Amino acid sequence: MTASHPRHRRALVIPAGMAMATALAFLPNTAATAAPAAPAADGQAVAAADATSLSYVVNVRGGHGTPAHVKKAIGKAGGTVVTSYDEIGVIVVHSSDPDFAKTIRTVRGVQSAGATRTAPLPSAATTDLGAPKVLSAAEVAEAEAAQGQDPLQGLQWDLPAIKADKAHEKSLGSSKVTVAVIDTGVDDTHPDIAPNFDRAASVNCVSGKPDTSEGAWRPGPAESPHGTHVAGEIAAAKNGVGMTGVAPGVKVSGIKVSNPDGFFYTEAVVCGFVWAAEHGVDVTNNSYYTDPWYFNCTDDPDQKALVEAVTRASRYAERKGAVNVAAAGNENYDLAADEITDPVSPNDSTPSERVIDPSECFDIPTQLPGVVTVAATGAKGLKSSFSNYGRGVIDIAAPGGDSTAYQTPEPPATSGLILGTLPGGKWGYMAGTSMASPHVAGVAALIRSTHPHASPALVKALLYAQADATACTDPYDIDADGKVDAVCEGPKNRNGFYGWGTADALDAVTR
């Protein structure tokens, strides 16, 4: 396994004056540490059964249960069924037979099958993780906010950037709306999250099978704070404590899909979407890519099966009423280009550089049909230096932060990064399209609050129609070195940097 390109790569460090790294480099002035693997939750026990096993998804016709002859064939091919999602026809299987997928693909009724990883279960190493820039007790105490604001709101330049501060004068959102954070886990004991936490819609899906034991959705002590940060951005309560979320009156749930090593494997992601679908979730936020492939190429039988499984799951969630929102990624890639060089796949064993066609090889769930793909902007409203882009791929933009060397916020904000909640009752800064996506998820939740009976299609239509059209930045030389850093294509109201425009929370509660 390599630690060069962590999975929740939607949040990253922004060293002043430097180009963006491809990895989840956490925030400036922090030391990277090796995070030891946390103890496995009960729901992960099955994954540790055989260290030589791989995990697979086997896709059959949905809605009819697993055919008896397919179950028999799985066993005959050396597989053990972990769980099956009959409504979408996805079966999660473990097998130590390296030919399992090849064998099972020949079985009548099997539409596709593939390994969800290239390293044996469980993972043999940990990921090098850093830490976000945590606000000290003194910084929290010294923060000043205007009348009627939470104490840290003055540091949140991102709220006025999408008019969320004005929106809150009209509505904080409905407590009948739930946004699921499909991520590394959410610390629901945080004072800014606890008032709005939806326990019934929370779960641990790491093994591919739901684990609803108390607290299973929380990150372990050595695990990433990523999901907790995202949850606070969406729905930190307006309660006189800490910060304020984009939609501080809605509910937020935690669907943990990242294992202790930081991997987001297909079976966990499928479980997460299905859980959201069946537990009344209105919006899902997805600030990750599905491991081990940054891009999943449909001409590869394993990768094709992964695309098919996650597509079925995300579409199922949408059919059940959820709007799926996802981060576009942090590599400054043009996702509409003819080709992209992917140097990091597979990231759980030995990666090799490959050139892919992004119209045939997909970052999932970001590039899946129906998913709202979000690019990041900085404090000056320009595309963040790291944000992926691409005409026809990016749907909308929202604040994700950037280096103050590139985009400096207006006082009293001091950091160009995004403030969020952190486990243990803390707050801190992170940046990335990981941070942009929850802003859009929050706005979608406000739209659903305003239009409680709106379908996902209508919520998305309103989200795009209400966005503030943002013209291409041309030329885009974010570091002012005289060289163009990215090329934006398209008109003001539909281009490769900002999609339909910048998300607008005020319109979400007034139109």
Protein backbone atom coordinates (compact mmCIF):
# COMPACT_ATOMS: atom_id res chain seq x y z
CA MET A 1 0.00 0.00 0.00
CA THR A 2 1.13 3.50 -0.71
CA ALA A 3 0.55 6.53 1.41
CA SER A 4 1.27 8.95 -1.39
CA HIS A 5 -2.35 9.75 -2.22
CA PRO A 6 -4.76 9.46 0.70
CA ARG A 7 -8.32 8.59 -0.13
CA HIS A 8 -10.31 11.49 1.26
CA ARG A 9 -8.18 13.60 -1.06
CA ARG A 10 -10.74 16.31 -1.22
CA ALA A 11 -9.10 18.26 1.61
CA LEU A 12 -5.54 19.40 1.38
CA VAL A 13 -2.77 21.64 2.56
CA ILE A 14 -2.09 24.85 0.74
CA PRO A 15 1.52 25.92 1.28
CA ALA A 16 1.81 29.59 0.41
CA GLY A 17 3.24 30.29 -3.03
CA MET A 18 3.42 26.63 -4.04
CA ALA A 19 1.46 24.54 -6.50
CA MET A 20 -1.07 22.11 -5.10
CA ALA A 21 0.07 18.63 -4.21
CA THR A 22 -2.04 15.72 -5.36
CA ALA A 23 -2.23 14.19 -1.92
CA LEU A 24 -4.47 15.01 1.01
CA ALA A 25 -1.80 17.21 2.51
CA PHE A 26 -3.42 18.65 5.59
CA LEU A 27 -2.92 22.19 6.67
CA PRO A 28 0.09 24.49 6.87
CA ASN A 29 2.43 24.30 9.85
CA THR A 30 1.40 20.77 10.81
CA ALA A 31 3.58 17.70 10.91
CA ALA A 32 2.53 14.53 9.13
CA THR A 33 2.28 11.52 11.39
CA ALA A 34 1.61 7.88 10.79
CA ALA A 35 -1.83 7.15 12.12
CA PRO A 36 -2.07 3.74 13.77
CA ALA A 37 -4.99 1.62 12.77
CA ALA A 38 -7.93 1.91 15.15
CA PRO A 39 -9.48 -1.23 16.59
CA ALA A 40 -11.96 -2.80 14.21
CA ALA A 41 -15.62 -2.17 14.93
CA ASP A 42 -17.94 -5.13 15.26
CA GLY A 43 -19.12 -4.62 11.70
CA GLN A 44 -15.56 -4.92 10.44
CA ALA A 45 -14.85 -8.28 12.01
CA VAL A 46 -15.85 -10.19 8.89
CA ALA A 47 -13.21 -8.31 6.90
CA ALA A 48 -10.46 -9.64 9.13
CA ALA A 49 -11.40 -13.28 8.71
CA ASP A 50 -8.74 -14.14 6.19
CA ALA A 51 -5.71 -11.95 5.56
CA THR A 52 -5.29 -13.47 2.10
CA SER A 53 -8.86 -12.66 1.00
CA LEU A 54 -9.97 -9.96 -1.36
CA SER A 55 -13.38 -8.34 -1.38
CA TYR A 56 -15.56 -8.46 -4.50
CA VAL A 57 -18.81 -7.08 -5.80
CA VAL A 58 -20.94 -9.36 -7.94
CA ASN A 59 -23.69 -7.59 -9.87
CA VAL A 60 -26.87 -9.39 -10.89
CA ARG A 61 -30.33 -8.25 -11.90
CA GLY A 62 -31.77 -6.03 -9.18
CA GLY A 63 -35.08 -6.37 -7.41
CA HIS A 64 -35.36 -10.15 -7.55
CA GLY A 65 -32.98 -11.45 -4.89
CA THR A 66 -29.84 -13.44 -5.55
CA PRO A 67 -30.63 -16.42 -7.79
CA ALA A 68 -30.01 -19.74 -6.07
CA HIS A 69 -27.68 -20.91 -8.83
CA VAL A 70 -25.56 -17.73 -8.42
CA LYS A 71 -25.26 -18.31 -4.66
CA LYS A 72 -24.21 -21.88 -5.34
CA ALA A 73 -21.70 -20.74 -7.96
CA ILE A 74 -20.20 -18.19 -5.55
CA GLY A 75 -19.55 -20.94 -3.02
CA LYS A 76 -18.20 -23.30 -5.66
CA ALA A 77 -15.82 -20.58 -6.87
CA GLY A 78 -14.42 -20.17 -3.36
CA GLY A 79 -16.47 -17.15 -2.32
CA THR A 80 -18.33 -16.29 0.88
CA VAL A 81 -21.29 -13.90 0.72
CA VAL A 82 -20.89 -11.06 3.23
CA THR A 83 -24.18 -9.37 2.37
CA SER A 84 -26.39 -8.72 -0.61
CA TYR A 85 -28.36 -5.66 -1.64
CA ASP A 86 -31.16 -7.35 -3.53
CA GLU A 87 -32.95 -4.13 -4.46
CA ILE A 88 -30.00 -3.10 -6.65
CA GLY A 89 -28.56 -6.55 -7.36
CA VAL A 90 -25.16 -6.04 -5.71
CA ILE A 91 -23.61 -8.92 -3.73
CA VAL A 92 -20.55 -8.39 -1.50
CA VAL A 93 -18.28 -11.45 -1.46
CA HIS A 94 -14.92 -12.37 0.10
CA SER A 95 -12.68 -14.91 -1.56
CA SER A 96 -9.06 -16.00 -1.34
CA ASP A 97 -9.18 -17.50 -4.84
CA PRO A 98 -7.36 -15.10 -7.20
CA ASP A 99 -9.50 -16.35 -10.09
CA PHE A 100 -12.80 -15.79 -8.30
CA ALA A 101 -13.94 -12.80 -10.39
CA LYS A 102 -12.92 -14.41 -13.66
CA THR A 103 -14.80 -17.58 -12.75
CA ILE A 104 -17.97 -15.94 -11.47
CA ARG A 105 -18.29 -13.70 -14.55
CA THR A 106 -19.02 -16.82 -16.62
CA VAL A 107 -22.06 -17.72 -14.51
CA ARG A 108 -25.49 -17.16 -16.05
CA GLY A 109 -27.16 -14.10 -14.52
CA VAL A 110 -23.94 -12.42 -13.40
CA GLN A 111 -23.75 -9.09 -15.21
CA SER A 112 -20.35 -8.01 -13.88
CA ALA A 113 -17.99 -8.81 -11.04
CA GLY A 114 -14.72 -7.41 -9.79
CA ALA A 115 -12.31 -7.08 -6.90
CA THR A 116 -12.84 -3.94 -4.85
CA ARG A 117 -9.17 -3.76 -3.85
CA THR A 118 -5.74 -4.98 -4.87
CA ALA A 119 -4.37 -5.63 -1.35
CA PRO A 120 -5.52 -8.50 0.89
CA LEU A 121 -7.99 -7.98 3.69
CA PRO A 122 -7.29 -6.45 6.10
CA SER A 123 -4.90 -3.74 4.94
CA ALA A 124 -1.35 -4.34 6.07
CA ALA A 125 -0.25 -0.78 6.68
CA THR A 126 -1.54 2.59 7.74
CA THR A 127 -1.80 5.87 5.91
CA ASP A 128 0.36 8.86 6.69
CA LEU A 129 -2.04 11.44 7.97
CA GLY A 130 -1.52 14.95 9.17
CA ALA A 131 -3.93 17.11 11.10
CA PRO A 132 -5.97 20.18 10.28
CA LYS A 133 -4.95 23.54 11.71
CA VAL A 134 -6.76 23.45 15.05
CA LEU A 135 -7.91 26.67 16.68
CA SER A 136 -6.33 27.06 20.11
CA ALA A 137 -8.43 27.85 23.16
CA ALA A 138 -7.02 31.36 23.07
CA GLU A 139 -8.00 31.82 19.42
CA VAL A 140 -11.50 30.60 20.18
CA ALA A 141 -11.76 32.97 23.15
CA GLU A 142 -10.45 35.94 21.16
CA ALA A 143 -12.75 35.50 18.18
CA GLU A 144 -15.25 38.28 17.72
CA ALA A 145 -18.55 38.04 15.93
CA ALA A 146 -21.28 40.51 15.14
CA GLN A 147 -24.52 40.69 17.09
CA GLY A 148 -26.61 37.58 16.57
CA GLN A 149 -23.73 35.49 15.25
CA ASP A 150 -22.07 32.46 16.78
CA PRO A 151 -18.66 33.29 18.31
CA LEU A 152 -16.52 31.98 15.43
CA GLN A 153 -18.75 33.12 12.59
CA GLY A 154 -16.59 36.16 11.87
CA LEU A 155 -13.86 33.75 10.73
CA GLN A 156 -16.22 32.14 8.22
CA TRP A 157 -15.78 34.22 5.06
CA ASP A 158 -17.40 31.34 3.19
CA LEU A 159 -20.88 32.03 4.58
CA PRO A 160 -21.29 35.52 3.05
CA ALA A 161 -19.64 34.20 -0.12
CA ILE A 162 -22.80 32.15 -0.74
CA LYS A 163 -25.13 34.59 1.12
CA ALA A 164 -25.75 32.06 3.88
CA ASP A 165 -25.55 34.81 6.50
CA LYS A 166 -28.45 36.60 4.79
CA ALA A 167 -30.30 33.32 4.32
CA HIS A 168 -30.19 32.68 8.07
CA GLU A 169 -32.19 35.85 8.64
CA LYS A 170 -35.00 34.17 6.70
CA SER A 171 -34.59 30.50 7.60
CA LEU A 172 -32.12 28.13 9.22
CA GLY A 173 -33.58 25.15 7.41
CA SER A 174 -36.02 22.46 8.52
CA SER A 175 -35.33 19.86 11.18
CA LYS A 176 -37.31 17.47 8.97
CA VAL A 177 -34.46 17.49 6.42
CA THR A 178 -31.41 15.24 6.91
CA VAL A 179 -28.05 15.47 5.16
CA ALA A 180 -25.97 12.28 5.36
CA VAL A 181 -22.21 12.73 5.53
CA ILE A 182 -20.83 9.64 3.76
CA ASP A 183 -17.26 9.92 4.97
CA THR A 184 -14.73 8.99 7.67
CA GLY A 185 -17.26 9.18 10.50
CA VAL A 186 -18.90 11.97 12.48
CA ASP A 187 -18.34 12.88 16.14
CA ASP A 188 -21.93 13.46 17.19
CA THR A 189 -20.82 14.45 20.71
CA HIS A 190 -19.42 17.75 19.40
CA PRO A 191 -21.41 20.67 20.90
CA ASP A 192 -21.99 22.17 17.45
CA ILE A 193 -23.19 18.88 15.95
CA ALA A 194 -25.07 17.17 18.81
CA PRO A 195 -28.18 19.43 18.60
CA ASN A 196 -28.74 18.49 14.96
CA PHE A 197 -27.56 14.89 14.84
CA ASP A 198 -29.82 12.23 13.34
CA ARG A 199 -28.86 8.96 15.01
CA ALA A 200 -31.48 6.90 13.19
CA ALA A 201 -29.89 7.77 9.84
CA SER A 202 -26.34 7.03 11.04
CA VAL A 203 -24.35 3.81 10.61
CA ASN A 204 -20.96 2.19 10.12
CA CYS A 205 -20.73 0.66 6.63
CA VAL A 206 -17.00 -0.07 6.57
CA SER A 207 -17.34 -3.85 6.08
CA GLY A 208 -19.99 -3.41 3.41
CA LYS A 209 -22.65 -4.47 5.90
CA PRO A 210 -24.46 -1.99 8.22
CA ASP A 211 -23.30 -1.80 11.84
CA THR A 212 -25.75 0.19 13.96
CA SER A 213 -24.10 -0.29 17.35
CA GLU A 214 -23.93 2.85 19.46
CA GLY A 215 -21.26 5.25 18.21
CA ALA A 216 -20.17 2.99 15.34
CA TRP A 217 -20.45 6.02 13.02
CA ARG A 218 -17.79 7.97 14.95
CA PRO A 219 -14.14 8.19 13.87
CA GLY A 220 -11.65 6.36 16.07
CA PRO A 221 -9.04 8.34 18.03
CA ALA A 222 -6.42 7.85 15.32
CA GLU A 223 -8.79 8.24 12.36
CA SER A 224 -9.33 11.25 10.14
CA PRO A 225 -11.42 14.20 11.38
CA HIS A 226 -12.55 14.79 7.79
CA GLY A 227 -16.17 13.68 8.18
CA THR A 228 -16.67 15.66 11.38
CA HIS A 229 -15.33 18.80 9.67
CA VAL A 230 -17.72 18.29 6.75
CA ALA A 231 -20.70 17.73 9.07
CA GLY A 232 -20.06 21.03 10.85
CA GLU A 233 -19.80 22.94 7.60
CA ILE A 234 -23.24 21.65 6.67
CA ALA A 235 -25.19 21.86 9.89
CA ALA A 236 -23.25 23.25 12.87
CA ALA A 237 -26.02 24.56 15.10
CA LYS A 238 -26.67 28.27 15.55
CA ASN A 239 -26.55 27.88 19.29
CA GLY A 240 -24.18 30.50 20.67
CA VAL A 241 -21.30 28.01 20.50
CA GLY A 242 -18.46 27.89 17.99
CA MET A 243 -19.34 28.24 14.31
CA THR A 244 -22.46 28.18 12.13
CA GLY A 245 -23.25 25.71 9.36
CA VAL A 246 -24.70 26.57 5.96
CA ALA A 247 -28.00 25.01 7.05
CA PRO A 248 -27.89 25.18 10.88
CA GLY A 249 -31.50 24.08 11.31
CA VAL A 250 -31.35 20.80 9.40
CA LYS A 251 -30.31 17.39 10.67
CA VAL A 252 -27.01 15.71 9.84
CA SER A 253 -26.13 12.03 10.03
CA GLY A 254 -22.87 10.12 9.87
CA ILE A 255 -22.43 7.20 7.47
CA LYS A 256 -18.93 5.90 8.05
CA VAL A 257 -17.44 4.24 4.97
CA SER A 258 -13.70 4.78 5.49
CA ASN A 259 -11.75 1.96 7.16
CA PRO A 260 -9.10 2.61 9.83
CA ASP A 261 -6.45 2.89 7.12
CA GLY A 262 -8.42 5.60 5.36
CA PHE A 263 -9.69 3.60 2.37
CA PHE A 264 -13.15 4.10 0.87
CA TYR A 265 -13.83 0.73 -0.75
CA THR A 266 -16.74 -0.02 -3.08
CA GLU A 267 -18.67 -2.32 -0.76
CA ALA A 268 -18.69 0.36 1.96
CA VAL A 269 -19.78 3.10 -0.45
CA VAL A 270 -22.58 0.89 -1.81
CA CYS A 271 -23.73 0.19 1.74
CA GLY A 272 -23.66 3.92 2.50
CA PHE A 273 -25.86 4.92 -0.42
CA VAL A 274 -28.32 2.09 0.21
CA TRP A 275 -28.52 3.01 3.89
CA ALA A 276 -29.20 6.64 2.99
CA ALA A 277 -31.85 5.53 0.51
CA GLU A 278 -33.68 3.45 3.08
CA HIS A 279 -33.50 5.88 6.00
CA GLY A 280 -35.14 8.98 4.67
CA VAL A 281 -32.03 10.97 3.83
CA ASP A 282 -32.69 14.07 1.72
CA VAL A 283 -29.11 14.90 0.67
CA THR A 284 -25.84 12.94 0.72
CA ASN A 285 -22.42 14.57 0.78
CA ASN A 286 -19.54 12.63 -0.78
CA SER A 287 -16.10 14.20 -0.32
CA TYR A 288 -13.94 11.23 -1.37
CA TYR A 289 -13.20 8.94 -4.26
CA THR A 290 -13.83 5.22 -4.20
CA ASP A 291 -10.61 3.24 -3.79
CA PRO A 292 -8.33 1.87 -5.03
CA TRP A 293 -8.66 3.48 -8.46
CA TYR A 294 -8.72 7.24 -8.84
CA PHE A 295 -10.39 6.65 -12.21
CA ASN A 296 -12.28 3.42 -12.90
CA CYS A 297 -11.99 2.36 -16.53
CA THR A 298 -14.95 0.54 -17.99
CA ASP A 299 -12.77 -1.50 -20.35
CA ASP A 300 -11.32 -3.27 -17.31
CA PRO A 301 -13.71 -5.97 -16.00
CA ASP A 302 -12.89 -5.34 -12.32
CA GLN A 303 -13.18 -1.57 -12.54
CA LYS A 304 -16.32 -1.81 -14.68
CA ALA A 305 -17.99 -3.82 -11.90
CA LEU A 306 -17.11 -1.16 -9.33
CA VAL A 307 -18.59 1.59 -11.50
CA GLU A 308 -21.73 -0.47 -11.99
CA ALA A 309 -22.15 -1.20 -8.26
CA VAL A 310 -21.73 2.40 -7.08
CA THR A 311 -23.88 3.69 -9.95
CA ARG A 312 -26.70 1.38 -8.93
CA ALA A 313 -26.41 2.42 -5.30
CA SER A 314 -26.30 6.17 -5.96
CA ARG A 315 -29.20 5.97 -8.38
CA TYR A 316 -31.17 3.97 -5.82
CA ALA A 317 -30.59 6.73 -3.25
CA GLU A 318 -31.83 9.32 -5.75
CA ARG A 319 -34.90 7.24 -6.60
CA LYS A 320 -35.67 7.17 -2.89
CA GLY A 321 -35.47 10.97 -2.68
CA ALA A 322 -31.85 11.89 -2.00
CA VAL A 323 -29.83 14.52 -3.85
CA ASN A 324 -26.25 13.22 -4.13
CA VAL A 325 -23.54 15.89 -3.95
CA ALA A 326 -19.83 15.15 -4.51
CA ALA A 327 -16.49 16.92 -4.54
CA ALA A 328 -14.71 17.30 -7.90
CA GLY A 329 -11.18 16.61 -6.64
CA ASN A 330 -8.01 18.57 -5.90
CA GLU A 331 -5.52 17.89 -8.67
CA ASN A 332 -6.27 20.85 -10.99
CA TYR A 333 -7.26 18.26 -13.59
CA ASP A 334 -9.42 19.19 -16.58
CA LEU A 335 -11.99 16.40 -16.30
CA ALA A 336 -13.21 17.23 -19.81
CA ALA A 337 -9.77 16.73 -21.35
CA ASP A 338 -9.05 14.05 -23.94
CA GLU A 339 -6.67 12.35 -21.54
CA ILE A 340 -5.37 12.58 -17.97
CA THR A 341 -2.30 10.99 -16.44
CA ASP A 342 -3.21 9.05 -13.30
CA PRO A 343 -0.03 8.30 -11.29
CA VAL A 344 -1.65 6.98 -8.10
CA SER A 345 -3.73 3.92 -8.97
CA PRO A 346 -4.14 1.42 -7.47
CA ASN A 347 -3.43 3.23 -4.23
CA ASP A 348 -3.68 0.23 -1.89
CA SER A 349 -0.76 -1.70 -3.41
CA THR A 350 1.75 -0.54 -6.03
CA PRO A 351 0.54 2.29 -8.25
CA SER A 352 1.73 2.74 -11.80
CA GLU A 353 1.37 5.75 -14.05
CA ARG A 354 -1.33 5.35 -16.67
CA VAL A 355 -2.99 7.65 -19.18
CA ILE A 356 -6.78 7.51 -19.06
CA ASP A 357 -9.70 8.94 -21.01
CA PRO A 358 -11.99 10.66 -18.47
CA SER A 359 -14.99 10.02 -20.71
CA GLU A 360 -14.42 6.27 -20.27
CA CYS A 361 -12.67 6.15 -16.88
CA PHE A 362 -14.60 7.64 -14.00
CA ASP A 363 -13.88 9.17 -10.62
CA ILE A 364 -16.72 7.64 -8.60
CA PRO A 365 -19.11 8.81 -7.29
CA THR A 366 -18.17 12.30 -8.56
CA GLN A 367 -18.59 11.56 -12.26
CA LEU A 368 -21.64 9.31 -12.02
CA PRO A 369 -24.96 10.23 -13.66
CA GLY A 370 -27.19 12.41 -11.51
CA VAL A 371 -24.50 13.35 -9.00
CA VAL A 372 -23.96 17.09 -8.37
CA THR A 373 -20.25 17.70 -9.05
CA VAL A 374 -18.78 20.60 -7.07
CA ALA A 375 -15.69 22.71 -7.79
CA ALA A 376 -14.01 24.89 -5.16
CA THR A 377 -13.51 28.64 -4.96
CA GLY A 378 -11.34 30.77 -2.70
CA ALA A 379 -11.94 33.94 -0.70
CA LYS A 380 -11.87 36.12 -3.84
CA GLY A 381 -14.43 33.94 -5.61
CA LEU A 382 -11.94 32.50 -8.09
CA LYS A 383 -11.46 28.80 -8.78
CA SER A 384 -9.25 27.41 -6.05
CA SER A 385 -5.75 26.74 -7.30
CA PHE A 386 -6.13 22.99 -6.72
CA SER A 387 -9.73 22.44 -7.84
CA ASN A 388 -10.48 20.08 -10.70
CA TYR A 389 -12.60 21.59 -13.44
CA GLY A 390 -14.07 20.75 -16.84
CA ARG A 391 -16.86 22.02 -19.06
CA GLY A 392 -19.84 19.71 -18.89
CA VAL A 393 -18.46 17.99 -15.79
CA ILE A 394 -18.60 20.68 -13.11
CA ASP A 395 -22.18 21.49 -12.13
CA ILE A 396 -21.68 24.21 -9.53
CA ALA A 397 -19.02 25.93 -7.41
CA ALA A 398 -18.76 26.84 -3.73
CA PRO A 399 -16.12 27.94 -1.20
CA GLY A 400 -13.42 25.34 -0.61
CA GLY A 401 -10.59 27.65 0.41
CA ASP A 402 -7.21 28.53 -1.03
CA SER A 403 -3.86 29.85 0.10
CA THR A 404 -3.91 33.43 1.36
CA ALA A 405 -1.00 33.95 -1.05
CA TYR A 406 -3.57 33.55 -3.83
CA GLN A 407 -6.88 34.65 -2.31
CA THR A 408 -7.01 36.67 0.92
CA PRO A 409 -10.29 37.05 2.83
CA GLU A 410 -11.67 40.30 4.19
CA PRO A 411 -11.27 40.89 7.95
CA PRO A 412 -12.17 39.72 10.51
CA ALA A 413 -11.45 36.42 8.74
CA THR A 414 -7.73 35.65 8.83
CA SER A 415 -7.42 32.35 6.98
CA GLY A 416 -8.23 31.58 3.36
CA LEU A 417 -9.19 28.06 4.43
CA ILE A 418 -12.56 26.76 5.64
CA LEU A 419 -13.48 26.56 9.31
CA GLY A 420 -15.19 23.39 10.50
CA THR A 421 -15.84 21.22 13.53
CA LEU A 422 -13.28 18.68 14.70
CA PRO A 423 -13.64 15.67 17.00
CA GLY A 424 -13.34 16.31 20.70
CA GLY A 425 -15.24 19.59 20.71
CA LYS A 426 -12.67 21.49 18.66
CA TRP A 427 -12.70 23.65 15.53
CA GLY A 428 -10.12 24.04 12.80
CA TYR A 429 -9.30 24.89 9.21
CA MET A 430 -9.15 22.61 6.18
CA ALA A 431 -9.35 23.22 2.44
CA GLY A 432 -10.26 21.32 -0.70
CA THR A 433 -13.21 20.49 -2.87
CA SER A 434 -14.06 18.37 0.19
CA MET A 435 -15.01 21.63 1.82
CA ALA A 436 -16.85 23.00 -1.24
CA SER A 437 -19.18 20.02 -1.58
CA PRO A 438 -20.75 20.40 1.90
CA HIS A 439 -21.57 24.03 1.14
CA VAL A 440 -23.63 22.84 -1.82
CA ALA A 441 -25.12 20.00 0.23
CA GLY A 442 -26.18 22.61 2.79
CA VAL A 443 -27.77 24.79 0.12
CA ALA A 444 -29.59 21.75 -1.31
CA ALA A 445 -30.89 21.07 2.22
CA LEU A 446 -32.19 24.65 2.41
CA ILE A 447 -33.95 24.19 -0.93
CA ARG A 448 -35.55 20.97 0.31
CA SER A 449 -36.56 22.83 3.49
CA THR A 450 -38.24 25.54 1.39
CA HIS A 451 -39.81 23.01 -0.99
CA PRO A 452 -40.39 19.93 1.19
CA HIS A 453 -42.09 17.93 -1.53
CA ALA A 454 -39.60 18.69 -4.29
CA SER A 455 -38.11 15.72 -6.10
CA PRO A 456 -34.33 15.36 -6.34
CA ALA A 457 -34.57 16.47 -9.97
CA LEU A 458 -36.40 19.65 -8.97
CA VAL A 459 -34.00 20.37 -6.10
CA LYS A 460 -31.09 20.10 -8.54
CA ALA A 461 -32.86 22.28 -11.10
CA LEU A 462 -33.44 24.97 -8.46
CA LEU A 463 -29.87 24.65 -7.21
CA TYR A 464 -28.53 25.37 -10.69
CA ALA A 465 -31.12 28.02 -11.61
CA GLN A 466 -30.49 29.94 -8.38
CA ALA A 467 -26.69 29.79 -8.63
CA ASP A 468 -24.98 33.12 -9.28
CA ALA A 469 -23.59 32.92 -12.81
CA THR A 470 -19.80 33.28 -12.60
CA ALA A 471 -17.83 34.09 -15.72
CA CYS A 472 -14.66 32.28 -16.69
CA THR A 473 -11.44 33.53 -15.11
CA ASP A 474 -9.38 34.25 -18.23
CA PRO A 475 -6.47 34.15 -18.15
CA TYR A 476 -6.23 32.04 -15.00
CA ASP A 477 -2.80 32.66 -13.50
CA ILE A 478 -3.56 32.11 -9.83
CA ASP A 479 0.06 32.24 -8.66
CA ALA A 480 0.90 35.28 -10.83
CA ASP A 481 4.00 33.68 -12.35
CA GLY A 482 3.07 34.66 -15.88
CA LYS A 483 1.95 31.16 -16.86
CA VAL A 484 -1.65 30.07 -17.37
CA ASP A 485 -2.54 27.49 -14.71
CA ALA A 486 -5.83 26.27 -16.20
CA VAL A 487 -8.09 27.13 -19.13
CA CYS A 488 -11.76 27.84 -18.55
CA GLU A 489 -14.23 27.18 -21.38
CA GLY A 490 -17.87 28.11 -21.73
CA PRO A 491 -20.26 31.02 -21.12
CA LYS A 492 -20.94 32.85 -17.87
CA ASN A 493 -23.80 30.59 -16.86
CA ARG A 494 -22.27 27.21 -17.79
CA ASN A 495 -18.52 26.89 -17.87
CA GLY A 496 -15.74 24.56 -16.87
CA PHE A 497 -14.64 26.39 -13.71
CA TYR A 498 -17.93 27.23 -12.04
CA GLY A 499 -20.61 25.18 -13.81
CA TRP A 500 -23.95 26.94 -13.51
CA GLY A 501 -22.35 29.38 -11.08
CA THR A 502 -21.67 29.85 -7.37
CA ALA A 503 -24.20 28.36 -4.95
CA ASP A 504 -26.70 30.86 -3.51
CA ALA A 505 -28.16 30.10 -0.07
CA LEU A 506 -30.34 33.22 0.05
CA ASP A 507 -32.24 32.26 -3.08
CA ALA A 508 -32.62 28.76 -1.61
CA VAL A 509 -34.79 30.09 1.22
CA THR A 510 -36.61 32.89 -0.63
CA ARG A 511 -37.44 31.49 -4.06
